[in-house]
Amino acid sequence: MTKITASSKRGFQEAVQEGMKRAIKSLRGITGFEVVSYKGKVDGGKVVEYRATMEVTFILE
């Protein structure tokens, strides 16, 4: 298992998708993932960044 954090300016779902897209490119044997936290960044009274932290489970070869 490894923990990754990804971000998006559009929303949490896109942050998760981007994180998993990166994980799939660099890890083999991914069997699942769990989102362990959501966080956001606010600037000037507006949400400017959405962050998702995930635990990615994979099988070592």
C-alpha atoms as a PDB file:
ATOM      1  CA  MET A   1       0.000   0.000   0.000  1.00  0.00           C
ATOM      2  CA  THR A   2       1.093   3.538  -0.693  1.00  0.00           C
ATOM      3  CA  LYS A   3      -0.446   6.901   0.089  1.00  0.00           C
ATOM      4  CA  ILE A   4      -0.831   9.577  -2.578  1.00  0.00           C
ATOM      5  CA  THR A   5      -2.288  13.081  -2.655  1.00  0.00           C
ATOM      6  CA  ALA A   6      -3.614  14.738  -5.793  1.00  0.00           C
ATOM      7  CA  SER A   7      -5.245  18.084  -6.443  1.00  0.00           C
ATOM      8  CA  SER A   8      -7.632  19.770  -8.852  1.00  0.00           C
ATOM      9  CA  LYS A   9      -9.056  23.234  -9.376  1.00  0.00           C
ATOM     10  CA  ARG A  10     -12.412  21.736 -10.444  1.00  0.00           C
ATOM     11  CA  GLY A  11     -13.426  19.393  -7.632  1.00  0.00           C
ATOM     12  CA  PHE A  12     -12.729  16.405  -5.423  1.00  0.00           C
ATOM     13  CA  GLN A  13     -13.801  13.836  -8.018  1.00  0.00           C
ATOM     14  CA  GLU A  14     -11.289  15.182 -10.525  1.00  0.00           C
ATOM     15  CA  ALA A  15      -8.568  15.175  -7.849  1.00  0.00           C
ATOM     16  CA  VAL A  16      -9.236  11.470  -7.193  1.00  0.00           C
ATOM     17  CA  GLN A  17      -9.252  10.666 -10.905  1.00  0.00           C
ATOM     18  CA  GLU A  18      -5.982  12.524 -11.486  1.00  0.00           C
ATOM     19  CA  GLY A  19      -4.336  10.775  -8.543  1.00  0.00           C
ATOM     20  CA  MET A  20      -5.379   7.356  -9.752  1.00  0.00           C
ATOM     21  CA  LYS A  21      -4.301   8.162 -13.307  1.00  0.00           C
ATOM     22  CA  ARG A  22      -0.797   8.922 -12.000  1.00  0.00           C
ATOM     23  CA  ALA A  23      -0.779   5.833  -9.766  1.00  0.00           C
ATOM     24  CA  ILE A  24      -1.759   3.558 -12.651  1.00  0.00           C
ATOM     25  CA  LYS A  25       1.140   4.922 -14.734  1.00  0.00           C
ATOM     26  CA  SER A  26       3.736   4.202 -12.035  1.00  0.00           C
ATOM     27  CA  LEU A  27       2.429   1.175 -10.104  1.00  0.00           C
ATOM     28  CA  ARG A  28       1.624  -2.316 -11.329  1.00  0.00           C
ATOM     29  CA  GLY A  29      -0.954  -4.649  -9.864  1.00  0.00           C
ATOM     30  CA  ILE A  30      -3.281  -2.028  -8.350  1.00  0.00           C
ATOM     31  CA  THR A  31      -6.230  -3.781  -6.723  1.00  0.00           C
ATOM     32  CA  GLY A  32      -8.058  -0.859  -5.130  1.00  0.00           C
ATOM     33  CA  PHE A  33      -7.927   2.428  -3.287  1.00  0.00           C
ATOM     34  CA  GLU A  34      -9.544   4.269  -0.398  1.00  0.00           C
ATOM     35  CA  VAL A  35      -9.926   8.019  -0.088  1.00  0.00           C
ATOM     36  CA  VAL A  36      -8.716   8.826   3.431  1.00  0.00           C
ATOM     37  CA  SER A  37      -9.143  12.604   3.417  1.00  0.00           C
ATOM     38  CA  TYR A  38     -10.426  15.554   1.491  1.00  0.00           C
ATOM     39  CA  LYS A  39      -8.983  19.031   1.958  1.00  0.00           C
ATOM     40  CA  GLY A  40      -9.333  22.334   0.192  1.00  0.00           C
ATOM     41  CA  LYS A  41      -7.504  25.600  -0.224  1.00  0.00           C
ATOM     42  CA  VAL A  42      -9.305  28.940  -0.019  1.00  0.00           C
ATOM     43  CA  ASP A  43      -7.942  32.231  -1.328  1.00  0.00           C
ATOM     44  CA  GLY A  44      -9.822  35.510  -1.319  1.00  0.00           C
ATOM     45  CA  GLY A  45     -13.008  33.864  -0.111  1.00  0.00           C
ATOM     46  CA  LYS A  46     -13.067  31.340  -2.984  1.00  0.00           C
ATOM     47  CA  VAL A  47     -12.152  27.676  -3.146  1.00  0.00           C
ATOM     48  CA  VAL A  48      -9.092  27.517  -5.391  1.00  0.00           C
ATOM     49  CA  GLU A  49      -7.924  23.919  -4.917  1.00  0.00           C
ATOM     50  CA  TYR A  50      -9.416  20.565  -3.949  1.00  0.00           C
ATOM     51  CA  ARG A  51      -7.120  17.852  -2.545  1.00  0.00           C
ATOM     52  CA  ALA A  52      -7.751  14.142  -2.093  1.00  0.00           C
ATOM     53  CA  THR A  53      -5.439  11.787  -0.219  1.00  0.00           C
ATOM     54  CA  MET A  54      -5.766   8.103  -1.081  1.00  0.00           C
ATOM     55  CA  GLU A  55      -4.306   4.818   0.064  1.00  0.00           C
ATOM     56  CA  VAL A  56      -3.626   2.716  -3.024  1.00  0.00           C
ATOM     57  CA  THR A  57      -3.387  -1.049  -2.621  1.00  0.00           C
ATOM     58  CA  PHE A  58      -1.304  -3.066  -5.051  1.00  0.00           C
ATOM     59  CA  ILE A  59       0.368  -6.472  -5.353  1.00  0.00           C
ATOM     60  CA  LEU A  60       4.165  -6.583  -5.469  1.00  0.00           C
ATOM     61  CA  GLU A  61       5.612  -8.687  -8.264  1.00  0.00           C
END
